[in-house]
Amino acid sequence: MLHKQGKIAVATIGSHSALEICYGCAKNNLKSIVFSQKGRDKQYLYYLKTIRKFSNTGIIDMLVRLDNFKDLLNKSNIELMNNNNTVFIPNRSFCVYLGYEDIEKNFDVPIFGNRYMLRAEERTEEKNQYKLMENAGVRTPKTFKINEIDRPVIVKINEKERAYERAFFIAIDGKDYENKANEMIKKGIIDENALKNARIEELIVGPQFNFNFFYSPLEETLDLMGIDMRRQSNIEGFSRLPYWLQPKIDVKTIEVGHVACTIRESLLSKVYEIAEKIVETSQKMFDKGIIGPFAIQAIITAEKGKEDIVVFDLSFRIPGSPGIKYTPYSAYLYLHEMSMGERIALEIKNAHKENMLDVITT
């Protein structure tokens, strides 16, 4: 439990967006704690607060090294966080390494955001992101059964070895689907069980954008913090290969980085409309609904001389891109660039000051 009068600390798992979170804490004078797995913590050692001969450096106050990320659930680590009056910031790695059951039932530390919405990112859940988008009336790609495919489609399937990552292939009809699915099974990329839950979507052609928002229950405001797009391996290099070599390469879309970007100003109203619908619908589907950061992944289409936004994915926690502050949108709101880590820390700081931490944590 949080002590309303004590000084607040902020903790996270040492992966995905830990440096971004710690930066926000340092800017807002909040203590930061990073729990890292041994062998995966070298980058965090470089950013520990250090007094050097000519300067002070670093953004991390405390680094706790674990044998395994699952050890975050150990009684000693839970006590360490609660003794430091800690609010925990979840990210994608936290969900992958701990699992939703433990996060919801056994992680006895206040979480910033809605811990019960984290699992909605998984497409096999009953109340998932697709159901939320459907209820919100947001345009998404049309879906098909195998025998209904009458146009190019993209097939999304959980990988065999890394079930938290997805494999993709493009098919033009049912026969093409079967051939490519069987080829991926032979190569060990997917298995037949995963194929049963494959999502077959209309292939939408257009530029992709991640719209990174922050919803504040304290102020009941919706902020567009920035826009980015992903850099993925090996599809970017694939597109530069000569056509005769492309069929010999297995395309992978593993996220390795992000690029900050902008969209035409006249499209912003549509982006905000979608975000508003998603927040409102989340509040009807889940207790408290969205709290803090969430991202909308979308494609901009040009149809009949008119642009539209097609949403294909949502996330309900801090994004993995620290570069979104280098787009102008947070500065349009705050008159200076503000990163997502800063915005989270500011929300925690304000909630603590107003004795409203229960409003932003679950």
Protein backbone atom coordinates (compact mmCIF):
# COMPACT_ATOMS: atom_id res chain seq x y z
CA MET A 1 0.00 0.00 0.00
CA LEU A 2 1.14 3.55 -0.72
CA HIS A 3 1.72 5.93 2.18
CA LYS A 4 0.22 9.19 1.03
CA GLN A 5 2.60 11.34 3.07
CA GLY A 6 5.83 9.49 2.29
CA LYS A 7 8.16 10.25 -0.58
CA ILE A 8 7.26 8.29 -3.71
CA ALA A 9 9.60 6.00 -5.61
CA VAL A 10 9.01 4.67 -9.13
CA ALA A 11 10.12 1.20 -10.25
CA THR A 12 10.15 -0.71 -13.50
CA ILE A 13 11.64 -3.78 -15.11
CA GLY A 14 15.03 -3.30 -16.81
CA SER A 15 13.90 -3.68 -20.41
CA HIS A 16 11.82 -1.96 -23.11
CA SER A 17 11.48 1.58 -21.70
CA ALA A 18 13.29 1.66 -18.36
CA LEU A 19 15.64 4.51 -19.30
CA GLU A 20 12.71 6.61 -20.51
CA ILE A 21 10.90 6.07 -17.18
CA CYS A 22 13.99 6.89 -15.13
CA TYR A 23 14.58 10.05 -17.15
CA GLY A 24 11.07 11.21 -16.28
CA CYS A 25 11.71 10.48 -12.62
CA ALA A 26 14.99 12.41 -12.62
CA LYS A 27 13.27 15.43 -14.19
CA ASN A 28 10.56 15.35 -11.51
CA ASN A 29 12.72 14.54 -8.47
CA LEU A 30 11.28 11.05 -7.95
CA LYS A 31 13.46 8.13 -6.84
CA SER A 32 13.86 5.47 -9.55
CA ILE A 33 14.42 1.74 -9.11
CA VAL A 34 15.25 -0.63 -11.97
CA PHE A 35 14.97 -4.42 -11.58
CA SER A 36 17.25 -6.01 -14.15
CA GLN A 37 18.17 -9.59 -14.99
CA LYS A 38 21.85 -10.49 -14.59
CA GLY A 39 23.58 -10.48 -17.95
CA ARG A 40 21.08 -7.95 -19.30
CA ASP A 41 21.98 -4.99 -17.15
CA LYS A 42 25.16 -3.49 -18.61
CA GLN A 43 23.30 -0.59 -20.24
CA TYR A 44 21.76 0.34 -16.87
CA LEU A 45 25.15 0.37 -15.13
CA TYR A 46 26.15 3.21 -17.45
CA TYR A 47 23.15 5.28 -16.33
CA LEU A 48 23.40 4.83 -12.57
CA LYS A 49 23.80 8.14 -10.80
CA THR A 50 27.53 8.79 -10.49
CA ILE A 51 29.68 11.59 -9.11
CA ARG A 52 32.56 12.13 -11.54
CA LYS A 53 35.54 14.37 -11.26
CA PHE A 54 33.97 17.19 -13.27
CA SER A 55 30.26 16.38 -13.36
CA ASN A 56 27.37 14.38 -11.95
CA THR A 57 25.76 11.93 -14.38
CA GLY A 58 23.03 9.34 -14.58
CA ILE A 59 19.28 8.96 -14.06
CA ILE A 60 18.93 5.65 -12.13
CA ASP A 61 18.93 5.81 -8.33
CA MET A 62 18.87 2.08 -7.56
CA LEU A 63 19.63 -0.99 -9.68
CA VAL A 64 18.51 -4.38 -8.35
CA ARG A 65 19.96 -7.38 -10.17
CA LEU A 66 17.79 -10.49 -10.41
CA ASP A 67 18.75 -14.03 -11.44
CA ASN A 68 15.52 -14.08 -13.43
CA PHE A 69 12.87 -11.46 -14.14
CA LYS A 70 10.32 -13.74 -12.45
CA ASP A 71 12.17 -13.08 -9.17
CA LEU A 72 10.47 -9.70 -9.13
CA LEU A 73 7.63 -11.60 -7.44
CA ASN A 74 9.84 -12.71 -4.53
CA LYS A 75 8.75 -11.48 -1.12
CA SER A 76 12.02 -9.58 -0.59
CA ASN A 77 11.58 -7.57 -3.79
CA ILE A 78 7.92 -6.84 -3.09
CA GLU A 79 8.89 -5.64 0.40
CA LEU A 80 11.71 -3.50 -1.02
CA MET A 81 9.25 -1.72 -3.28
CA ASN A 82 6.57 -1.25 -0.66
CA ASN A 83 9.11 -0.05 1.91
CA ASN A 84 10.18 2.59 -0.63
CA ASN A 85 6.55 3.64 -1.20
CA THR A 86 6.78 2.54 -4.82
CA VAL A 87 4.56 2.96 -7.84
CA PHE A 88 5.43 0.40 -10.53
CA ILE A 89 5.36 1.28 -14.25
CA PRO A 90 4.46 -1.71 -16.47
CA ASN A 91 5.85 -2.17 -19.96
CA ARG A 92 5.63 -4.91 -22.58
CA SER A 93 8.59 -6.83 -21.16
CA PHE A 94 6.97 -6.86 -17.71
CA CYS A 95 3.88 -8.51 -19.23
CA VAL A 96 5.91 -11.06 -21.20
CA TYR A 97 8.23 -12.14 -18.38
CA LEU A 98 5.77 -12.19 -15.48
CA GLY A 99 2.50 -13.11 -17.19
CA TYR A 100 -0.94 -11.65 -16.63
CA GLU A 101 -2.05 -14.03 -13.88
CA ASP A 102 0.86 -13.08 -11.64
CA ILE A 103 0.53 -9.40 -12.49
CA GLU A 104 -3.16 -9.38 -11.58
CA LYS A 105 -3.08 -11.65 -8.52
CA ASN A 106 0.43 -11.92 -7.05
CA PHE A 107 2.19 -8.62 -7.74
CA ASP A 108 1.29 -6.80 -4.53
CA VAL A 109 2.61 -3.37 -5.54
CA PRO A 110 0.54 -0.43 -6.83
CA ILE A 111 0.77 -0.26 -10.62
CA PHE A 112 0.48 3.00 -12.53
CA GLY A 113 -2.27 2.46 -15.08
CA ASN A 114 -4.84 -0.30 -15.36
CA ARG A 115 -3.22 -3.67 -14.65
CA TYR A 116 -6.42 -5.43 -15.78
CA MET A 117 -6.23 -3.93 -19.27
CA LEU A 118 -2.70 -5.18 -20.00
CA ARG A 119 -4.01 -8.56 -21.13
CA ALA A 120 -6.41 -6.87 -23.57
CA GLU A 121 -3.45 -6.57 -25.97
CA GLU A 122 -3.59 -10.35 -26.42
CA ARG A 123 -5.87 -11.28 -29.29
CA THR A 124 -7.07 -14.52 -27.65
CA GLU A 125 -8.65 -12.76 -24.66
CA GLU A 126 -12.44 -12.41 -24.52
CA LYS A 127 -12.27 -8.66 -23.83
CA ASN A 128 -9.40 -7.80 -26.14
CA GLN A 129 -8.33 -4.82 -28.20
CA TYR A 130 -10.36 -5.93 -31.22
CA LYS A 131 -13.54 -6.08 -29.16
CA LEU A 132 -12.74 -2.64 -27.78
CA MET A 133 -12.23 -1.21 -31.28
CA GLU A 134 -15.42 -2.85 -32.51
CA ASN A 135 -17.42 -1.39 -29.60
CA ALA A 136 -15.83 2.01 -30.20
CA GLY A 137 -16.86 2.04 -33.86
CA VAL A 138 -13.25 2.45 -35.01
CA ARG A 139 -12.44 1.38 -38.55
CA THR A 140 -10.22 -1.72 -38.61
CA PRO A 141 -9.11 -3.97 -41.49
CA LYS A 142 -11.80 -6.35 -42.72
CA THR A 143 -11.24 -9.94 -41.52
CA PHE A 144 -11.74 -13.19 -43.43
CA LYS A 145 -12.06 -16.93 -43.03
CA ILE A 146 -9.80 -18.99 -45.30
CA ASN A 147 -12.53 -19.78 -47.81
CA GLU A 148 -13.60 -16.11 -47.95
CA ILE A 149 -10.29 -14.64 -49.10
CA ASP A 150 -11.00 -12.65 -52.27
CA ARG A 151 -8.19 -10.07 -52.13
CA PRO A 152 -4.64 -9.76 -50.75
CA VAL A 153 -4.61 -10.41 -46.99
CA ILE A 154 -2.03 -10.32 -44.23
CA VAL A 155 -2.07 -13.30 -41.88
CA LYS A 156 -0.97 -12.74 -38.27
CA ILE A 157 0.06 -15.75 -36.18
CA ASN A 158 1.91 -16.20 -32.88
CA GLU A 159 5.39 -17.63 -33.39
CA LYS A 160 6.18 -21.15 -32.22
CA GLU A 161 9.30 -20.33 -30.20
CA ARG A 162 8.37 -16.83 -29.04
CA ALA A 163 4.62 -16.90 -28.47
CA TYR A 164 4.66 -13.20 -27.53
CA GLU A 165 5.89 -12.28 -31.03
CA ARG A 166 3.92 -12.69 -34.25
CA ALA A 167 4.81 -14.09 -37.63
CA PHE A 168 3.23 -12.69 -40.79
CA PHE A 169 2.65 -13.72 -44.35
CA ILE A 170 0.66 -12.32 -47.28
CA ALA A 171 -1.77 -14.47 -49.27
CA ILE A 172 -3.94 -13.73 -52.30
CA ASP A 173 -6.46 -16.60 -51.97
CA GLY A 174 -7.25 -19.72 -49.93
CA LYS A 175 -4.82 -21.97 -51.84
CA ASP A 176 -1.99 -19.47 -51.43
CA TYR A 177 -2.82 -19.28 -47.71
CA GLU A 178 -2.58 -23.06 -47.28
CA ASN A 179 0.73 -23.29 -49.20
CA LYS A 180 2.41 -20.52 -47.22
CA ALA A 181 1.06 -21.68 -43.86
CA ASN A 182 2.34 -25.22 -44.48
CA GLU A 183 5.74 -23.87 -45.53
CA MET A 184 6.03 -21.88 -42.27
CA ILE A 185 5.05 -24.95 -40.23
CA LYS A 186 7.76 -27.00 -41.98
CA LYS A 187 10.34 -24.32 -41.18
CA GLY A 188 9.30 -24.35 -37.50
CA ILE A 189 8.24 -20.71 -37.50
CA ILE A 190 4.65 -21.49 -36.44
CA ASP A 191 2.71 -24.59 -35.41
CA GLU A 192 -0.77 -25.89 -36.21
CA ASN A 193 -2.20 -24.82 -32.84
CA ALA A 194 -1.16 -21.21 -33.41
CA LEU A 195 -2.58 -21.38 -36.93
CA LYS A 196 -6.04 -22.10 -35.48
CA ASN A 197 -5.98 -18.63 -33.89
CA ALA A 198 -4.52 -16.83 -36.92
CA ARG A 199 -6.06 -13.49 -37.79
CA ILE A 200 -6.60 -12.96 -41.51
CA GLU A 201 -6.89 -9.26 -42.32
CA GLU A 202 -7.42 -7.28 -45.48
CA LEU A 203 -4.02 -5.96 -46.61
CA ILE A 204 -4.23 -2.18 -46.24
CA VAL A 205 -1.58 -0.35 -48.25
CA GLY A 206 -0.36 2.98 -46.89
CA PRO A 207 2.05 4.61 -44.43
CA GLN A 208 1.93 3.31 -40.86
CA PHE A 209 1.92 5.52 -37.77
CA ASN A 210 1.94 4.94 -34.02
CA PHE A 211 -0.10 7.64 -32.27
CA ASN A 212 1.09 7.83 -28.67
CA PHE A 213 -1.49 9.29 -26.28
CA PHE A 214 -1.75 9.96 -22.56
CA TYR A 215 -5.10 10.01 -20.78
CA SER A 216 -5.10 11.76 -17.39
CA PRO A 217 -7.90 10.76 -15.00
CA LEU A 218 -6.72 13.56 -12.70
CA GLU A 219 -7.43 16.29 -15.22
CA GLU A 220 -9.71 14.29 -17.55
CA THR A 221 -7.54 15.34 -20.48
CA LEU A 222 -6.25 13.52 -23.55
CA ASP A 223 -2.76 14.43 -24.79
CA LEU A 224 -1.14 13.41 -28.06
CA MET A 225 2.46 13.10 -26.87
CA GLY A 226 4.03 12.19 -30.18
CA ILE A 227 4.02 10.04 -33.30
CA ASP A 228 6.51 7.44 -34.45
CA MET A 229 6.87 4.53 -36.83
CA ARG A 230 8.71 1.27 -36.34
CA ARG A 231 11.96 0.05 -37.82
CA GLN A 232 11.77 -3.70 -38.28
CA SER A 233 14.20 -6.44 -39.21
CA ASN A 234 14.55 -7.72 -41.85
CA ILE A 235 11.69 -6.30 -43.88
CA GLU A 236 13.42 -2.96 -44.48
CA GLY A 237 16.41 -4.61 -46.12
CA PHE A 238 14.11 -7.00 -47.94
CA SER A 239 12.45 -4.15 -49.80
CA ARG A 240 15.83 -3.14 -51.26
CA LEU A 241 16.65 -6.58 -52.67
CA PRO A 242 16.29 -7.34 -56.38
CA TYR A 243 12.92 -8.97 -57.16
CA TRP A 244 14.48 -12.33 -58.14
CA LEU A 245 16.09 -12.71 -54.69
CA GLN A 246 13.07 -11.72 -52.59
CA PRO A 247 11.24 -15.11 -52.81
CA LYS A 248 14.30 -16.79 -51.23
CA ILE A 249 14.20 -14.65 -48.08
CA ASP A 250 11.99 -15.28 -45.03
CA VAL A 251 10.57 -11.89 -44.08
CA LYS A 252 10.75 -10.98 -40.37
CA THR A 253 9.12 -7.99 -38.72
CA ILE A 254 10.98 -7.91 -35.39
CA GLU A 255 10.92 -4.42 -33.94
CA VAL A 256 14.43 -3.03 -33.50
CA GLY A 257 13.84 0.71 -33.30
CA HIS A 258 11.60 3.67 -34.04
CA VAL A 259 11.63 6.86 -36.07
CA ALA A 260 9.85 10.03 -34.93
CA CYS A 261 7.46 11.40 -37.54
CA THR A 262 4.54 13.77 -38.12
CA ILE A 263 1.29 13.74 -40.08
CA ARG A 264 -0.53 16.42 -42.00
CA GLU A 265 -2.28 18.79 -39.60
CA SER A 266 -5.73 18.33 -41.15
CA LEU A 267 -5.66 14.63 -40.14
CA LEU A 268 -5.19 15.38 -36.43
CA SER A 269 -8.90 15.81 -35.77
CA LYS A 270 -9.54 12.24 -36.99
CA VAL A 271 -6.72 10.94 -34.83
CA TYR A 272 -8.18 12.63 -31.74
CA GLU A 273 -11.69 11.36 -32.55
CA ILE A 274 -10.40 7.78 -32.60
CA ALA A 275 -8.49 8.24 -29.33
CA GLU A 276 -11.55 9.77 -27.62
CA LYS A 277 -13.72 6.83 -28.69
CA ILE A 278 -11.14 4.34 -27.41
CA VAL A 279 -10.89 6.02 -23.99
CA GLU A 280 -14.68 6.29 -23.63
CA THR A 281 -15.20 2.65 -24.63
CA SER A 282 -12.44 1.43 -22.30
CA GLN A 283 -14.28 3.06 -19.39
CA LYS A 284 -17.41 1.09 -20.27
CA MET A 285 -15.60 -2.23 -20.73
CA PHE A 286 -13.12 -2.06 -17.82
CA ASP A 287 -13.24 -0.65 -14.31
CA LYS A 288 -11.42 2.73 -14.47
CA GLY A 289 -10.64 2.21 -18.18
CA ILE A 290 -7.42 3.54 -19.70
CA ILE A 291 -5.06 5.32 -17.30
CA GLY A 292 -1.97 7.05 -18.64
CA PRO A 293 -0.17 6.06 -21.86
CA PHE A 294 -1.65 4.09 -24.74
CA ALA A 295 -0.81 3.79 -28.41
CA ILE A 296 -2.86 3.48 -31.58
CA GLN A 297 -1.17 1.77 -34.54
CA ALA A 298 -2.79 2.76 -37.79
CA ILE A 299 -2.46 3.03 -41.55
CA ILE A 300 -3.46 6.12 -43.52
CA THR A 301 -5.34 5.24 -46.70
CA ALA A 302 -6.20 7.37 -49.71
CA GLU A 303 -9.54 6.29 -51.11
CA LYS A 304 -11.62 8.16 -53.67
CA GLY A 305 -9.50 11.24 -53.14
CA LYS A 306 -10.05 11.18 -49.39
CA GLU A 307 -7.81 10.00 -46.55
CA ASP A 308 -8.99 7.66 -43.82
CA ILE A 309 -7.39 6.07 -40.77
CA VAL A 310 -7.51 2.29 -40.34
CA VAL A 311 -6.46 1.04 -36.88
CA PHE A 312 -4.86 -2.39 -36.64
CA ASP A 313 -3.39 -2.51 -33.12
CA LEU A 314 -3.65 -0.95 -29.65
CA SER A 315 -1.39 -1.04 -26.60
CA PHE A 316 -2.30 0.00 -23.07
CA ARG A 317 1.05 0.88 -21.44
CA ILE A 318 4.16 2.96 -22.08
CA PRO A 319 5.41 2.68 -25.68
CA GLY A 320 8.91 1.45 -26.48
CA SER A 321 9.96 4.56 -28.40
CA PRO A 322 11.73 7.30 -26.41
CA GLY A 323 11.98 9.42 -29.56
CA ILE A 324 8.35 10.48 -29.74
CA LYS A 325 9.11 13.69 -27.83
CA TYR A 326 11.08 14.86 -30.86
CA THR A 327 7.84 15.37 -32.72
CA PRO A 328 6.20 18.74 -31.99
CA TYR A 329 2.94 17.60 -30.39
CA SER A 330 3.89 17.66 -26.70
CA ALA A 331 5.43 21.11 -27.18
CA TYR A 332 2.15 22.34 -28.68
CA LEU A 333 0.57 21.45 -25.32
CA TYR A 334 3.31 22.27 -22.81
CA LEU A 335 5.44 24.80 -24.75
CA HIS A 336 8.41 22.46 -24.42
CA GLU A 337 9.11 18.90 -25.50
CA MET A 338 7.88 16.38 -22.93
CA SER A 339 8.73 12.70 -23.11
CA MET A 340 6.29 9.99 -22.10
CA GLY A 341 8.46 9.20 -19.09
CA GLU A 342 8.22 12.82 -17.97
CA ARG A 343 4.46 12.85 -18.43
CA ILE A 344 4.05 9.69 -16.33
CA ALA A 345 6.26 11.07 -13.57
CA LEU A 346 4.37 14.37 -13.62
CA GLU A 347 1.04 12.54 -13.24
CA ILE A 348 2.37 10.54 -10.27
CA LYS A 349 3.82 13.68 -8.70
CA ASN A 350 0.54 15.59 -9.06
CA ALA A 351 -1.55 12.68 -7.79
CA HIS A 352 0.70 12.33 -4.74
CA LYS A 353 0.43 16.05 -4.01
CA GLU A 354 -3.39 15.94 -4.22
CA ASN A 355 -3.72 12.63 -2.30
CA MET A 356 -5.20 11.02 -5.42
CA LEU A 357 -2.77 8.17 -6.06
CA ASP A 358 -5.65 5.70 -5.89
CA VAL A 359 -7.12 7.37 -9.00
CA ILE A 360 -4.09 6.57 -11.19
CA THR A 361 -3.05 3.17 -9.76
CA THR A 362 -4.57 -0.29 -9.64
